[in-house]
Amino acid sequence: MGQRATFILAAVLTGFLLVAVGAVAGRVVDAGAAPAAPAPTAAPTAELLTAMQQRDAAYRQLIAEANARLQQLSAGPADTQTTYPITPARALLIATSATGGSLVRLPELVNVQGTVAYEVILTSGTFYVDATTGKLLTNNTAPVVTVVRSSGGGHEHEHEHEGGGDD
């Protein structure tokens, strides 16, 4: 055998011995550090089954609640009839019968000094109809209002308007 072949054989044998010694040392350290885990039982205990069923029921309940919330959100804004006794059409009728004028823009739900009302913009002016009572709100001061929900375009935004009484 040549000197090169002897060197390669010695390197391979040395590597093999190092790996074998490392494996044995690793086994000895692992065996002393952690006791062996008990073998799993063939069937879960009744206590474990009950806990799993309770967790599964709670999980299913959370999923059902989340799905209901997603469905509610994807349905868009709620119909105003289910939320307020006065509809946008009724608010328009109240404003036009009391003040006259033609419709400029569809009524929008707004907050007028703490009262939810429909903002009805007519050619004769801007009027506010209480969404709960149907009362035509008039005020000597210029109220600042914010849009609660727009009936057009689906974009929620805030407006500031002045006025609110007969012109």
C-alpha atoms as a PDB file:
ATOM      1  CA  MET A   1       0.000   0.000   0.000  1.00  0.00           C
ATOM      2  CA  GLY A   2       1.179   3.424  -0.758  1.00  0.00           C
ATOM      3  CA  GLN A   3       1.683   6.200   1.707  1.00  0.00           C
ATOM      4  CA  ARG A   4      -1.346   8.088   0.346  1.00  0.00           C
ATOM      5  CA  ALA A   5      -3.697   5.089   0.735  1.00  0.00           C
ATOM      6  CA  THR A   6      -2.487   4.514   4.285  1.00  0.00           C
ATOM      7  CA  PHE A   7      -3.129   8.147   5.164  1.00  0.00           C
ATOM      8  CA  ILE A   8      -6.705   8.014   3.750  1.00  0.00           C
ATOM      9  CA  LEU A   9      -7.441   4.742   5.600  1.00  0.00           C
ATOM     10  CA  ALA A  10      -6.152   6.249   8.865  1.00  0.00           C
ATOM     11  CA  ALA A  11      -8.298   9.365   8.381  1.00  0.00           C
ATOM     12  CA  VAL A  12     -11.439   7.296   7.726  1.00  0.00           C
ATOM     13  CA  LEU A  13     -10.846   5.060  10.761  1.00  0.00           C
ATOM     14  CA  THR A  14     -10.183   8.098  12.970  1.00  0.00           C
ATOM     15  CA  GLY A  15     -13.376   9.771  11.798  1.00  0.00           C
ATOM     16  CA  PHE A  16     -15.382   6.598  12.426  1.00  0.00           C
ATOM     17  CA  LEU A  17     -13.988   6.262  15.935  1.00  0.00           C
ATOM     18  CA  LEU A  18     -14.733   9.913  16.758  1.00  0.00           C
ATOM     19  CA  VAL A  19     -18.363   9.554  15.599  1.00  0.00           C
ATOM     20  CA  ALA A  20     -18.807   6.302  17.552  1.00  0.00           C
ATOM     21  CA  VAL A  21     -17.329   7.752  20.753  1.00  0.00           C
ATOM     22  CA  GLY A  22     -19.497  10.896  20.367  1.00  0.00           C
ATOM     23  CA  ALA A  23     -22.656   8.799  19.942  1.00  0.00           C
ATOM     24  CA  VAL A  24     -21.912   6.702  23.025  1.00  0.00           C
ATOM     25  CA  ALA A  25     -21.146   9.831  25.075  1.00  0.00           C
ATOM     26  CA  GLY A  26     -24.376  11.461  23.896  1.00  0.00           C
ATOM     27  CA  ARG A  27     -26.411   8.428  24.942  1.00  0.00           C
ATOM     28  CA  VAL A  28     -24.833   8.380  28.375  1.00  0.00           C
ATOM     29  CA  VAL A  29     -25.548  12.109  28.908  1.00  0.00           C
ATOM     30  CA  ASP A  30     -29.170  11.810  27.643  1.00  0.00           C
ATOM     31  CA  ALA A  31     -29.870   8.767  29.804  1.00  0.00           C
ATOM     32  CA  GLY A  32     -28.647  10.530  32.950  1.00  0.00           C
ATOM     33  CA  ALA A  33     -30.361  13.906  32.232  1.00  0.00           C
ATOM     34  CA  ALA A  34     -33.970  12.897  31.580  1.00  0.00           C
ATOM     35  CA  PRO A  35     -35.760   9.796  32.731  1.00  0.00           C
ATOM     36  CA  ALA A  36     -37.553   7.867  30.061  1.00  0.00           C
ATOM     37  CA  ALA A  37     -41.126   8.961  29.461  1.00  0.00           C
ATOM     38  CA  PRO A  38     -43.786   6.426  30.303  1.00  0.00           C
ATOM     39  CA  ALA A  39     -45.137   4.557  27.344  1.00  0.00           C
ATOM     40  CA  PRO A  40     -48.411   6.008  26.074  1.00  0.00           C
ATOM     41  CA  THR A  41     -51.517   4.130  27.096  1.00  0.00           C
ATOM     42  CA  ALA A  42     -53.541   2.426  24.443  1.00  0.00           C
ATOM     43  CA  ALA A  43     -56.747   4.373  25.163  1.00  0.00           C
ATOM     44  CA  PRO A  44     -57.236   7.845  26.701  1.00  0.00           C
ATOM     45  CA  THR A  45     -58.767   7.999  30.133  1.00  0.00           C
ATOM     46  CA  ALA A  46     -62.337   9.176  30.690  1.00  0.00           C
ATOM     47  CA  GLU A  47     -60.975  12.317  32.347  1.00  0.00           C
ATOM     48  CA  LEU A  48     -58.889  13.130  29.282  1.00  0.00           C
ATOM     49  CA  LEU A  49     -61.828  12.486  26.942  1.00  0.00           C
ATOM     50  CA  THR A  50     -64.059  14.825  28.967  1.00  0.00           C
ATOM     51  CA  ALA A  51     -61.433  17.565  28.896  1.00  0.00           C
ATOM     52  CA  MET A  52     -60.988  17.139  25.138  1.00  0.00           C
ATOM     53  CA  GLN A  53     -64.751  17.292  24.542  1.00  0.00           C
ATOM     54  CA  GLN A  54     -65.082  20.440  26.648  1.00  0.00           C
ATOM     55  CA  ARG A  55     -62.232  22.108  24.803  1.00  0.00           C
ATOM     56  CA  ASP A  56     -63.746  21.074  21.470  1.00  0.00           C
ATOM     57  CA  ALA A  57     -67.169  22.465  22.464  1.00  0.00           C
ATOM     58  CA  ALA A  58     -65.620  25.773  23.564  1.00  0.00           C
ATOM     59  CA  TYR A  59     -63.661  25.953  20.320  1.00  0.00           C
ATOM     60  CA  ARG A  60     -66.790  25.298  18.230  1.00  0.00           C
ATOM     61  CA  GLN A  61     -68.667  27.992  20.176  1.00  0.00           C
ATOM     62  CA  LEU A  62     -65.908  30.526  19.480  1.00  0.00           C
ATOM     63  CA  ILE A  63     -65.953  29.634  15.796  1.00  0.00           C
ATOM     64  CA  ALA A  64     -69.750  30.009  15.646  1.00  0.00           C
ATOM     65  CA  GLU A  65     -69.540  33.437  17.322  1.00  0.00           C
ATOM     66  CA  ALA A  66     -66.774  34.554  14.967  1.00  0.00           C
ATOM     67  CA  ASN A  67     -68.722  33.365  11.918  1.00  0.00           C
ATOM     68  CA  ALA A  68     -71.851  35.171  13.096  1.00  0.00           C
ATOM     69  CA  ARG A  69     -69.854  38.374  13.596  1.00  0.00           C
ATOM     70  CA  LEU A  70     -68.260  38.050  10.145  1.00  0.00           C
ATOM     71  CA  GLN A  71     -71.653  37.488   8.558  1.00  0.00           C
ATOM     72  CA  GLN A  72     -73.035  40.518  10.390  1.00  0.00           C
ATOM     73  CA  LEU A  73     -70.133  42.691   9.229  1.00  0.00           C
ATOM     74  CA  SER A  74     -70.296  41.479   5.630  1.00  0.00           C
ATOM     75  CA  ALA A  75     -74.018  42.266   5.456  1.00  0.00           C
ATOM     76  CA  GLY A  76     -73.177  45.973   5.569  1.00  0.00           C
ATOM     77  CA  PRO A  77     -74.955  48.641   7.578  1.00  0.00           C
ATOM     78  CA  ALA A  78     -78.111  47.552   9.338  1.00  0.00           C
ATOM     79  CA  ASP A  79     -81.440  48.613   7.912  1.00  0.00           C
ATOM     80  CA  THR A  80     -82.502  51.834   9.618  1.00  0.00           C
ATOM     81  CA  GLN A  81     -86.001  50.460  10.228  1.00  0.00           C
ATOM     82  CA  THR A  82     -84.602  47.862  12.603  1.00  0.00           C
ATOM     83  CA  THR A  83     -82.502  50.457  14.416  1.00  0.00           C
ATOM     84  CA  TYR A  84     -84.717  53.546  14.455  1.00  0.00           C
ATOM     85  CA  PRO A  85     -88.496  53.874  14.228  1.00  0.00           C
ATOM     86  CA  ILE A  86     -88.244  56.639  11.623  1.00  0.00           C
ATOM     87  CA  THR A  87     -87.008  55.590   8.164  1.00  0.00           C
ATOM     88  CA  PRO A  88     -85.169  57.877   5.722  1.00  0.00           C
ATOM     89  CA  ALA A  89     -88.309  57.991   3.543  1.00  0.00           C
ATOM     90  CA  ARG A  90     -90.455  58.986   6.544  1.00  0.00           C
ATOM     91  CA  ALA A  91     -87.918  61.673   7.527  1.00  0.00           C
ATOM     92  CA  LEU A  92     -88.076  63.085   3.988  1.00  0.00           C
ATOM     93  CA  LEU A  93     -91.872  63.142   4.134  1.00  0.00           C
ATOM     94  CA  ILE A  94     -91.820  64.912   7.525  1.00  0.00           C
ATOM     95  CA  ALA A  95     -89.340  67.543   6.311  1.00  0.00           C
ATOM     96  CA  THR A  96     -91.091  68.247   2.986  1.00  0.00           C
ATOM     97  CA  SER A  97     -94.578  68.384   4.487  1.00  0.00           C
ATOM     98  CA  ALA A  98     -93.445  70.834   7.168  1.00  0.00           C
ATOM     99  CA  THR A  99     -91.177  73.048   5.081  1.00  0.00           C
ATOM    100  CA  GLY A 100     -91.760  72.469   1.379  1.00  0.00           C
ATOM    101  CA  GLY A 101     -88.978  72.217  -1.141  1.00  0.00           C
ATOM    102  CA  SER A 102     -87.516  69.451  -3.279  1.00  0.00           C
ATOM    103  CA  LEU A 103     -84.997  66.820  -2.371  1.00  0.00           C
ATOM    104  CA  VAL A 104     -81.352  67.717  -3.029  1.00  0.00           C
ATOM    105  CA  ARG A 105     -79.681  64.695  -1.394  1.00  0.00           C
ATOM    106  CA  LEU A 106     -80.920  61.493   0.233  1.00  0.00           C
ATOM    107  CA  PRO A 107     -81.331  61.711   4.034  1.00  0.00           C
ATOM    108  CA  GLU A 108     -78.338  60.655   6.142  1.00  0.00           C
ATOM    109  CA  LEU A 109     -78.174  59.660   9.798  1.00  0.00           C
ATOM    110  CA  VAL A 110     -76.253  62.297  11.751  1.00  0.00           C
ATOM    111  CA  ASN A 111     -75.684  63.282  15.364  1.00  0.00           C
ATOM    112  CA  VAL A 112     -77.195  66.684  16.118  1.00  0.00           C
ATOM    113  CA  GLN A 113     -76.091  67.862  19.556  1.00  0.00           C
ATOM    114  CA  GLY A 114     -76.398  64.341  20.996  1.00  0.00           C
ATOM    115  CA  THR A 115     -79.580  63.342  19.122  1.00  0.00           C
ATOM    116  CA  VAL A 116     -79.524  60.866  16.237  1.00  0.00           C
ATOM    117  CA  ALA A 117     -81.406  62.497  13.391  1.00  0.00           C
ATOM    118  CA  TYR A 118     -81.763  62.435   9.631  1.00  0.00           C
ATOM    119  CA  GLU A 119     -80.217  65.315   7.776  1.00  0.00           C
ATOM    120  CA  VAL A 120     -82.652  66.161   4.988  1.00  0.00           C
ATOM    121  CA  ILE A 121     -81.308  68.609   2.430  1.00  0.00           C
ATOM    122  CA  LEU A 122     -84.039  70.271   0.395  1.00  0.00           C
ATOM    123  CA  THR A 123     -83.996  73.205  -1.995  1.00  0.00           C
ATOM    124  CA  SER A 124     -85.553  75.236   0.819  1.00  0.00           C
ATOM    125  CA  GLY A 125     -82.752  74.408   3.279  1.00  0.00           C
ATOM    126  CA  THR A 126     -81.242  71.718   5.478  1.00  0.00           C
ATOM    127  CA  PHE A 127     -83.510  70.132   8.063  1.00  0.00           C
ATOM    128  CA  TYR A 128     -82.999  67.593  10.804  1.00  0.00           C
ATOM    129  CA  VAL A 129     -85.624  64.993  11.729  1.00  0.00           C
ATOM    130  CA  ASP A 130     -85.214  63.045  14.989  1.00  0.00           C
ATOM    131  CA  ALA A 131     -84.721  59.378  14.000  1.00  0.00           C
ATOM    132  CA  THR A 132     -86.479  58.151  17.141  1.00  0.00           C
ATOM    133  CA  THR A 133     -89.468  60.493  17.489  1.00  0.00           C
ATOM    134  CA  GLY A 134     -89.880  61.989  14.007  1.00  0.00           C
ATOM    135  CA  LYS A 135     -89.816  65.508  15.468  1.00  0.00           C
ATOM    136  CA  LEU A 136     -88.479  68.218  13.175  1.00  0.00           C
ATOM    137  CA  LEU A 137     -85.493  69.647  15.044  1.00  0.00           C
ATOM    138  CA  THR A 138     -85.121  73.406  14.836  1.00  0.00           C
ATOM    139  CA  ASN A 139     -82.493  75.431  16.596  1.00  0.00           C
ATOM    140  CA  ASN A 140     -81.577  79.091  16.708  1.00  0.00           C
ATOM    141  CA  THR A 141     -77.886  78.173  16.851  1.00  0.00           C
ATOM    142  CA  ALA A 142     -75.956  76.543  14.038  1.00  0.00           C
ATOM    143  CA  PRO A 143     -75.435  72.955  15.162  1.00  0.00           C
ATOM    144  CA  VAL A 144     -72.313  71.014  14.351  1.00  0.00           C
ATOM    145  CA  VAL A 145     -73.231  67.537  13.159  1.00  0.00           C
ATOM    146  CA  THR A 146     -71.270  64.393  12.341  1.00  0.00           C
ATOM    147  CA  VAL A 147     -72.429  61.676   9.975  1.00  0.00           C
ATOM    148  CA  VAL A 148     -73.426  58.483  11.778  1.00  0.00           C
ATOM    149  CA  ARG A 149     -74.105  56.470   8.631  1.00  0.00           C
ATOM    150  CA  SER A 150     -74.502  57.598   5.046  1.00  0.00           C
ATOM    151  CA  SER A 151     -77.309  56.071   3.013  1.00  0.00           C
ATOM    152  CA  GLY A 152     -75.453  56.794  -0.249  1.00  0.00           C
ATOM    153  CA  GLY A 153     -72.142  55.355  -1.574  1.00  0.00           C
ATOM    154  CA  GLY A 154     -71.362  53.358   1.564  1.00  0.00           C
ATOM    155  CA  HIS A 155     -68.513  55.669   2.598  1.00  0.00           C
ATOM    156  CA  GLU A 156     -68.474  56.663   6.232  1.00  0.00           C
ATOM    157  CA  HIS A 157     -67.211  60.180   6.711  1.00  0.00           C
ATOM    158  CA  GLU A 158     -67.792  63.272   8.789  1.00  0.00           C
ATOM    159  CA  HIS A 159     -69.422  66.516   7.679  1.00  0.00           C
ATOM    160  CA  GLU A 160     -69.869  69.759   9.450  1.00  0.00           C
ATOM    161  CA  HIS A 161     -72.976  71.713   8.507  1.00  0.00           C
ATOM    162  CA  GLU A 162     -74.377  74.952   9.700  1.00  0.00           C
ATOM    163  CA  GLY A 163     -78.017  75.822   9.769  1.00  0.00           C
ATOM    164  CA  GLY A 164     -80.807  73.624  10.849  1.00  0.00           C
ATOM    165  CA  GLY A 165     -83.822  75.885  10.963  1.00  0.00           C
ATOM    166  CA  ASP A 166     -86.212  77.432   8.483  1.00  0.00           C
ATOM    167  CA  ASP A 167     -84.603  79.882   6.075  1.00  0.00           C
END
